[in-house]
Protein backbone atom coordinates (compact mmCIF):
# COMPACT_ATOMS: atom_id res chain seq x y z
CA MET A 1 0.00 0.00 0.00
CA ASN A 2 1.62 3.23 -1.13
CA ASN A 3 1.04 6.63 0.46
CA GLU A 4 -1.69 7.67 -1.95
CA GLN A 5 -3.63 4.45 -1.40
CA ALA A 6 -3.30 4.84 2.36
CA LEU A 7 -4.55 8.42 2.18
CA GLN A 8 -7.54 7.36 0.10
CA LEU A 9 -8.39 4.67 2.65
CA LEU A 10 -8.12 7.22 5.43
CA GLN A 11 -10.50 9.54 3.61
CA ASP A 12 -12.93 6.67 3.09
CA VAL A 13 -13.02 5.75 6.79
CA LEU A 14 -13.27 9.41 7.85
CA LYS A 15 -16.42 9.72 5.76
CA VAL A 16 -18.01 7.03 7.95
CA ASN A 17 -19.82 8.58 10.88
CA SER A 18 -18.83 6.17 13.63
CA THR A 19 -19.82 8.43 16.51
CA ASN A 20 -20.19 6.03 19.44
CA GLY A 21 -21.25 3.30 17.00
CA ASN A 22 -21.34 2.13 13.37
CA GLU A 23 -17.86 0.60 13.58
CA THR A 24 -19.13 -2.15 11.29
CA ALA A 25 -19.00 0.28 8.36
CA VAL A 26 -15.36 1.07 9.18
CA ALA A 27 -14.50 -2.64 9.37
CA ASP A 28 -16.26 -3.16 6.03
CA LEU A 29 -13.69 -0.86 4.42
CA ILE A 30 -10.60 -2.25 6.14
CA GLU A 31 -11.20 -5.99 6.27
CA PRO A 32 -11.30 -6.73 2.49
CA ILE A 33 -7.96 -4.95 2.00
CA LEU A 34 -6.36 -7.03 4.75
CA GLN A 35 -7.86 -10.23 3.38
CA GLU A 36 -6.70 -9.46 -0.15
CA ALA A 37 -3.16 -9.10 1.18
CA GLY A 38 -3.35 -12.53 2.79
CA LEU A 39 -4.05 -11.66 6.42
CA GLU A 40 -6.44 -13.84 8.37
CA THR A 41 -9.31 -11.81 9.81
CA LYS A 42 -11.99 -12.45 12.41
CA ARG A 43 -14.94 -10.27 13.27
CA TYR A 44 -16.62 -10.18 16.64
CA SER A 45 -20.05 -8.68 17.06
CA TYR A 46 -20.17 -6.31 20.00
CA LYS A 47 -23.58 -4.69 19.71
CA LYS A 48 -25.90 -3.80 16.86
CA ASP A 49 -23.84 -2.21 14.09
CA ARG A 50 -20.76 -2.48 16.30
CA THR A 51 -18.01 -4.79 15.11
CA GLN A 52 -14.54 -5.55 16.42
CA LEU A 53 -11.89 -6.76 14.01
CA ILE A 54 -8.78 -8.84 14.66
CA ALA A 55 -6.35 -9.56 11.81
CA THR A 56 -3.23 -11.72 11.87
CA LEU A 57 -0.13 -11.51 9.73
CA ASP A 58 1.45 -14.89 10.47
CA SER A 59 4.91 -15.82 9.20
CA GLY A 60 4.13 -19.51 9.67
CA VAL A 61 7.24 -19.87 11.81
CA GLU A 62 7.05 -19.91 15.59
CA GLY A 63 8.27 -16.69 17.14
CA PRO A 64 7.29 -13.51 18.97
CA THR A 65 3.95 -11.73 18.61
CA LEU A 66 3.59 -7.98 18.28
CA GLY A 67 0.20 -6.38 18.81
CA LEU A 68 -1.01 -3.25 16.98
CA THR A 69 -4.21 -1.66 18.21
CA GLY A 70 -6.60 1.21 17.59
CA HIS A 71 -10.30 2.00 17.90
CA MET A 72 -12.81 2.64 15.15
CA ASP A 73 -15.33 4.85 17.00
CA VAL A 74 -15.17 8.63 17.36
CA VAL A 75 -16.64 11.21 19.73
CA PRO A 76 -19.55 13.51 18.80
CA ILE A 77 -18.74 16.61 16.76
CA GLY A 78 -19.88 18.90 19.59
CA ASP A 79 -21.86 22.14 19.50
CA ASN A 80 -19.10 24.48 18.33
CA PRO A 81 -19.11 25.27 14.59
CA TRP A 82 -16.66 23.60 12.21
CA GLU A 83 -15.10 25.31 9.22
CA HIS A 84 -14.78 21.92 7.47
CA GLU A 85 -17.51 19.33 7.28
CA PRO A 86 -16.85 16.75 10.03
CA PHE A 87 -17.38 13.72 7.80
CA ALA A 88 -16.22 15.00 4.40
CA ALA A 89 -12.50 14.18 4.84
CA GLU A 90 -11.49 17.43 3.14
CA ILE A 91 -7.83 18.04 2.36
CA GLU A 92 -6.70 21.66 2.31
CA ASN A 93 -3.12 22.95 2.24
CA GLY A 94 -1.71 19.57 3.17
CA VAL A 95 -4.09 19.04 6.12
CA ILE A 96 -6.85 16.43 6.28
CA TYR A 97 -9.87 17.37 8.38
CA GLY A 98 -12.56 15.23 9.93
CA ARG A 99 -13.87 13.82 13.17
CA GLY A 100 -11.48 10.98 13.95
CA ALA A 101 -8.61 12.22 11.79
CA CYS A 102 -6.51 12.56 14.92
CA ASP A 103 -8.40 10.32 17.35
CA MET A 104 -7.70 7.95 15.90
CA LYS A 105 -8.45 6.86 12.37
CA GLY A 106 -5.22 8.48 11.15
CA GLY A 107 -3.12 6.26 13.39
CA LEU A 108 -5.30 3.23 12.74
CA ILE A 109 -4.96 3.42 8.96
CA ALA A 110 -1.24 4.08 9.32
CA LEU A 111 -0.99 0.76 11.21
CA VAL A 112 -2.86 -0.97 8.39
CA ALA A 113 -0.54 0.51 5.76
CA ALA A 114 2.58 -0.40 7.74
CA ALA A 115 1.42 -4.00 8.19
CA LEU A 116 0.62 -4.35 4.48
CA ARG A 117 4.05 -3.01 3.51
CA LEU A 118 5.76 -5.49 5.81
CA LYS A 119 3.67 -8.28 4.31
CA ALA A 120 4.86 -7.22 0.85
CA GLU A 121 8.44 -7.55 2.14
CA ASN A 122 7.66 -11.07 3.43
CA LEU A 123 8.09 -9.89 6.99
CA PRO A 124 8.18 -10.92 9.71
CA LYS A 125 10.37 -13.96 9.11
CA LYS A 126 9.29 -15.45 12.44
CA GLY A 127 6.30 -14.90 14.64
CA LYS A 128 3.23 -12.84 13.87
CA ILE A 129 1.69 -9.40 13.91
CA ILE A 130 -1.82 -9.11 15.31
CA LEU A 131 -3.96 -6.06 14.61
CA VAL A 132 -6.81 -5.43 17.05
CA PHE A 133 -9.34 -2.80 16.00
CA THR A 134 -11.92 -2.15 18.69
CA ALA A 135 -15.35 -0.61 19.12
CA ASP A 136 -16.69 1.60 21.91
CA GLU A 137 -13.34 2.90 23.17
CA GLU A 138 -14.51 6.46 23.65
CA MET A 139 -17.07 5.52 26.30
CA GLY A 140 -14.58 3.77 28.56
CA GLY A 141 -12.90 1.04 26.51
CA LYS A 142 -15.96 -1.19 26.66
CA GLY A 143 -15.23 -2.96 23.37
CA ALA A 144 -11.77 -4.05 24.45
CA LYS A 145 -13.21 -5.05 27.82
CA ASP A 146 -15.72 -7.27 26.04
CA LEU A 147 -12.88 -8.99 24.14
CA VAL A 148 -11.07 -9.64 27.42
CA ASP A 149 -14.17 -10.84 29.23
CA GLN A 150 -14.87 -13.34 26.43
CA ASP A 151 -11.19 -14.39 26.29
CA LEU A 152 -10.96 -13.25 22.66
CA LEU A 153 -8.04 -10.84 23.06
CA PRO A 154 -4.82 -12.48 21.84
CA TYR A 155 -1.64 -12.71 23.91
CA VAL A 156 1.21 -10.54 22.66
CA ASP A 157 4.84 -9.94 23.61
CA ALA A 158 4.63 -6.18 23.06
CA LEU A 159 2.00 -3.66 22.02
CA ILE A 160 1.84 -0.50 19.90
CA CYS A 161 -1.24 1.70 20.26
CA ALA A 162 -1.83 4.38 17.62
CA GLU A 163 -3.59 6.98 19.79
CA PRO A 164 -2.47 10.54 18.95
CA THR A 165 0.72 11.70 20.67
CA ASN A 166 1.93 14.31 18.17
CA LEU A 167 4.45 11.67 17.06
CA GLN A 168 6.04 11.37 20.49
CA VAL A 169 6.72 8.11 22.34
CA ALA A 170 4.22 7.88 25.18
CA ARG A 171 4.96 5.01 27.53
CA ALA A 172 2.54 5.70 30.37
CA HIS A 173 -0.97 6.82 31.22
CA LYS A 174 -3.07 7.02 34.35
CA GLY A 175 -5.78 4.53 35.15
CA VAL A 176 -9.48 5.43 35.02
CA PHE A 177 -11.70 4.40 37.93
CA TRP A 178 -15.22 5.80 37.54
CA LEU A 179 -17.90 5.12 40.12
CA SER A 180 -21.63 5.68 39.87
CA LEU A 181 -23.35 6.07 43.24
CA GLU A 182 -27.04 6.04 44.13
CA THR A 183 -28.80 6.54 47.44
CA GLN A 184 -32.41 5.61 48.17
CA GLY A 185 -34.63 7.38 50.68
CA ARG A 186 -38.33 7.94 51.32
CA THR A 187 -40.44 10.89 50.15
CA ALA A 188 -42.30 13.19 52.49
CA HIS A 189 -43.80 16.66 52.39
CA GLY A 190 -41.20 19.40 52.58
CA SER A 191 -42.89 20.79 55.70
CA THR A 192 -42.46 17.49 57.56
CA PRO A 193 -39.03 16.26 56.42
CA LYS A 194 -38.54 13.97 59.41
CA LYS A 195 -41.29 11.71 58.07
CA GLY A 196 -39.08 10.91 55.09
CA VAL A 197 -35.52 9.84 54.44
CA ASN A 198 -33.60 12.46 52.47
CA ALA A 199 -31.55 10.69 49.78
CA VAL A 200 -29.61 13.88 48.98
CA GLU A 201 -28.46 14.20 52.58
CA LYS A 202 -27.38 10.56 52.53
CA MET A 203 -25.43 11.19 49.34
CA ILE A 204 -23.69 14.20 50.88
CA LYS A 205 -22.70 12.04 53.86
CA TRP A 206 -21.42 9.32 51.51
CA LEU A 207 -19.34 11.70 49.41
CA ASP A 208 -17.93 13.31 52.54
CA ARG A 209 -16.85 9.89 53.83
CA ILE A 210 -15.22 9.07 50.49
CA ALA A 211 -13.27 12.33 50.64
CA GLN A 212 -12.15 11.51 54.18
CA THR A 213 -11.11 7.96 53.24
CA TYR A 214 -9.42 8.21 49.85
CA HIS A 215 -6.37 10.46 49.87
CA ALA A 216 -5.36 10.89 46.24
CA ASP A 217 -2.19 12.76 47.14
CA ASP A 218 -0.85 9.65 48.89
CA HIS A 219 -0.41 7.95 45.50
CA GLU A 220 2.19 9.42 43.18
CA ASP A 221 4.22 8.39 40.14
CA ASP A 222 7.38 10.29 39.23
CA LEU A 223 6.24 10.55 35.61
CA LEU A 224 2.47 10.83 35.82
CA GLY A 225 2.20 12.78 39.03
CA LYS A 226 -0.41 12.19 41.72
CA SER A 227 -3.66 10.29 41.64
CA THR A 228 -6.70 12.54 41.47
CA MET A 229 -10.32 12.33 42.57
CA SER A 230 -13.21 14.65 41.71
CA PHE A 231 -16.97 14.58 42.22
CA ASN A 232 -18.13 15.67 38.79
CA GLN A 233 -21.83 14.88 38.69
CA ILE A 234 -24.56 14.93 41.32
CA SER A 235 -28.35 15.07 41.10
CA GLY A 236 -31.38 14.35 43.21
CA GLY A 237 -34.90 15.39 44.03
CA SER A 238 -37.76 16.50 41.84
CA VAL A 239 -39.36 19.64 43.30
CA VAL A 240 -38.54 22.00 46.15
CA ASN A 241 -41.32 20.85 48.51
CA VAL A 242 -40.76 17.07 48.40
CA VAL A 243 -38.10 15.21 50.37
CA PRO A 244 -36.04 13.39 47.70
CA ASP A 245 -36.12 9.60 47.68
CA ARG A 246 -33.26 9.19 45.22
CA ALA A 247 -29.90 10.83 44.53
CA GLN A 248 -27.09 10.02 42.11
CA ALA A 249 -23.45 10.99 41.86
CA GLN A 250 -20.41 10.06 39.81
CA VAL A 251 -16.83 10.00 41.03
CA ASP A 252 -13.82 10.31 38.71
CA ILE A 253 -10.62 8.79 40.12
CA ARG A 254 -7.41 8.65 38.10
CA THR A 255 -4.92 6.10 39.42
CA VAL A 256 -1.19 5.75 38.96
CA PRO A 257 1.01 2.66 38.53
CA GLY A 258 1.27 0.72 41.77
CA GLN A 259 -2.36 1.18 42.77
CA ASP A 260 -4.41 -1.99 42.92
CA HIS A 261 -7.89 -1.49 41.48
CA PRO A 262 -9.53 -4.49 43.20
CA GLU A 263 -8.17 -3.28 46.55
CA LEU A 264 -9.40 0.22 45.80
CA TYR A 265 -12.88 -1.07 45.00
CA ALA A 266 -12.91 -3.13 48.21
CA SER A 267 -12.13 0.02 50.21
CA PHE A 268 -15.16 1.76 48.69
CA GLU A 269 -17.33 -1.25 49.47
CA GLN A 270 -16.19 -1.02 53.09
CA ILE A 271 -17.36 2.60 53.22
CA ILE A 272 -20.88 1.43 52.32
CA LYS A 273 -20.78 -1.24 55.02
CA ASP A 274 -19.59 1.29 57.59
CA LEU A 275 -22.33 3.76 56.70
CA GLU A 276 -24.99 1.04 56.82
CA ALA A 277 -23.76 -0.01 60.27
CA GLU A 278 -23.86 3.59 61.52
CA ASP A 279 -27.17 4.58 59.96
CA PRO A 280 -30.03 2.08 59.51
CA ASP A 281 -31.67 4.47 57.00
CA PHE A 282 -28.63 4.55 54.72
CA LYS A 283 -29.17 2.62 51.49
CA GLY A 284 -26.52 3.00 48.79
CA GLU A 285 -25.63 1.22 45.59
CA MET A 286 -22.33 1.56 43.73
CA ASP A 287 -21.27 0.62 40.22
CA LEU A 288 -17.73 0.69 38.85
CA PHE A 289 -18.72 1.55 35.31
CA THR A 290 -15.25 2.23 33.91
CA ASN A 291 -12.16 0.41 35.14
CA LEU A 292 -9.01 1.04 33.10
CA TYR A 293 -5.67 0.12 34.63
CA PRO A 294 -2.72 2.51 34.71
CA LEU A 295 0.14 1.82 32.34
CA ARG A 296 3.88 2.40 32.46
CA THR A 297 6.66 0.85 30.40
CA ASP A 298 10.28 1.26 31.44
CA ASP A 299 12.20 3.86 29.45
CA GLN A 300 14.95 1.32 28.73
CA ASP A 301 12.58 -1.32 27.36
CA PRO A 302 13.70 -2.38 23.86
CA LEU A 303 10.37 -1.29 22.31
CA VAL A 304 10.73 2.23 23.71
CA GLN A 305 14.35 2.49 22.60
CA ILE A 306 13.58 1.16 19.12
CA ALA A 307 10.81 3.76 18.72
CA LEU A 308 13.16 6.56 19.73
CA GLU A 309 15.98 5.41 17.44
CA THR A 310 13.84 4.77 14.36
CA SER A 311 12.16 8.17 14.74
CA LYS A 312 15.49 9.78 13.84
CA GLU A 313 15.34 8.15 10.40
CA THR A 314 11.63 8.43 9.64
CA LEU A 315 10.35 11.69 11.16
CA ASP A 316 11.12 15.29 10.32
CA GLN A 317 12.05 15.73 13.98
CA ALA A 318 13.19 12.92 16.27
CA ALA A 319 10.62 11.87 18.85
CA GLY A 320 10.99 12.38 22.57
CA LEU A 321 9.48 10.59 25.56
CA ALA A 322 5.99 11.53 26.73
CA ALA A 323 3.00 10.38 28.75
CA PHE A 324 -0.56 10.08 27.45
CA SER A 325 -3.10 12.28 29.21
CA GLY A 326 -6.14 9.99 29.01
CA GLY A 327 -6.84 6.30 29.23
CA THR A 328 -6.62 3.87 26.31
CA ASP A 329 -7.63 0.36 25.30
CA CYS A 330 -4.10 -0.64 26.34
CA ALA A 331 -5.48 -0.82 29.87
CA GLU A 332 -7.57 -3.84 28.89
CA PHE A 333 -4.54 -5.53 27.36
CA ILE A 334 -2.78 -4.95 30.68
CA ARG A 335 -5.72 -6.37 32.63
CA HIS A 336 -5.65 -9.37 30.31
CA GLN A 337 -1.89 -9.80 30.37
CA ALA A 338 0.04 -7.85 33.01
CA GLY A 339 3.39 -6.33 32.18
CA ILE A 340 3.19 -6.08 28.39
CA PRO A 341 5.75 -3.57 27.07
CA THR A 342 3.53 -0.92 25.52
CA ILE A 343 4.03 2.33 23.66
CA ILE A 344 1.46 4.83 22.43
CA ILE A 345 2.45 6.72 19.29
CA GLY A 346 0.34 8.38 16.67
CA PRO A 347 -0.11 11.48 14.52
CA GLY A 348 -1.93 14.62 15.60
CA GLN A 349 -2.84 16.47 18.76
CA SER A 350 -6.28 17.98 18.01
CA LEU A 351 -8.30 15.13 19.47
CA HIS A 352 -11.94 15.94 20.30
CA GLU A 353 -11.62 19.51 18.96
CA PRO A 354 -13.66 21.24 16.23
CA ASP A 355 -11.94 20.90 12.85
CA GLU A 356 -9.99 17.91 14.11
CA HIS A 357 -7.10 17.22 11.75
CA ILE A 358 -3.67 15.84 11.01
CA THR A 359 -1.24 16.84 8.31
CA VAL A 360 -0.83 14.53 5.36
CA SER A 361 2.92 14.66 5.97
CA GLU A 362 2.69 13.37 9.55
CA PHE A 363 0.30 10.65 8.39
CA TYR A 364 2.86 9.45 5.85
CA GLN A 365 5.65 9.74 8.42
CA SER A 366 3.70 7.68 10.94
CA ILE A 367 3.34 4.84 8.41
CA ALA A 368 7.09 4.79 7.83
CA TRP A 369 7.77 5.02 11.57
CA TYR A 370 5.46 2.11 12.44
CA GLN A 371 7.04 0.08 9.67
CA ALA A 372 10.56 0.77 10.95
CA ILE A 373 9.66 0.03 14.59
CA ILE A 374 8.01 -3.26 13.72
CA ARG A 375 10.83 -4.36 11.44
CA GLN A 376 13.54 -3.60 13.99
CA TRP A 377 11.60 -5.14 16.88
CA PHE A 378 11.39 -8.45 15.05
CA GLU A 379 15.05 -8.22 14.04
CA GLN A 380 16.05 -7.84 17.69
CA LYS A 381 13.91 -10.83 18.60
CA ASP A 382 15.45 -13.00 15.87
C-alpha cells in the first residue's frame, strides 16, 4: 500500500460517521484490503452495528507476537461550529480534516498501511503481527473489555497503540476508575421532612466519607504525578417541597502505577458497610462503570528504545518521551496480560476539537515510523 492508497483509505473511513457506533461500516472498508493481502481476519459482534476486528499476519514460523491496536469509533462533533464538514475528509493545504482524523483513524490506517508493507516484504520472518481494532473505546474502553471478558483478546509480547501523541513516544498513562453512586430514601412533604428519608443528605454524607477515606495525594508516580479524585456529577430530588427519595453521583478517580484497582474497589465497598452499620436508614448502591488500569513501560525497554531510534530516520524531527493524558484500550490488554511492554504513538494532537485534523505529511511519516519500529523489533527478537 503506497502513500496515496493509504490516504484514500483514510479519507474513506473518515467519511463514515462512527460516533459512538457504526464501527461495522469502518470494518467493512478495512477488512477486504487485509484479506486481499493474505491476512487472516476475524470479526466479533459487540452490539448492533458495532463490530470488532482482529487480523493476523502470520509468518508460519514460531516466534514472537507484536500487537497493533486502535479503535474505530469517534466522539460527537460537539456544539461548536466547524469550518470543514466533520465527515467529508477534506484536504486543504496539506491538512486532512474530519472527526477521527486525529483520534484515531489516522493512526489506525497508518498501522494498516505499515502491516501491508511489511507483508509485501515477506516480513516478519518469524512470529506474527496481530492487529486489534476495537469498538466503543470512547465511552470507557468497553469494546476491548468485552474482548477480554470473552477471552478473545490475543496474547502478545509487546503492544503499539496508535492513539495521537503528536508523534512522540508515550509510555505511560493514568488509570481510570469511575464510580456511579445512588442513594435511596423515602419521600415526604417538605414541611415534615422527618417523616421521610432524604436521599440527597445521605449522598452528601457518603461523598464526605469518600473524601475523608481516599487520599489521592498519597499515591504518586514520578512521571504521571499524583492520583486525582473529583466529584463531577450529582443530582437528586424532583421539586422543592418534596423530600427526595433518590440521589445520584459520579466519582472520577485517576490512578497511577502501583495502585491496585480491586483493593481500591474493596475500600469503597467497606465505606458502604460502615455507613450502613452507623445509619439504619442509609441505602446506597455503587457501580464501577469504567475500570481502566494505569500503564507504564520502562524507558529502557527495547520497544521504547527502538521507537526513539527509528524516529530519527523516519520523522522530520526525532521523537521524545511523553506520557498520554487519558486512558486507552491498552489498559484492557494490561488487565488481560500484566506487564506487556507498551508504547502509544500516533499522529496529531487535536483530538476531540472542532476541525480535528492531522497533516498529510505526519500521516505518511507515521506509516514509515510504524514500519521501521516493527521491522527492527522483530530483528532484535530474531
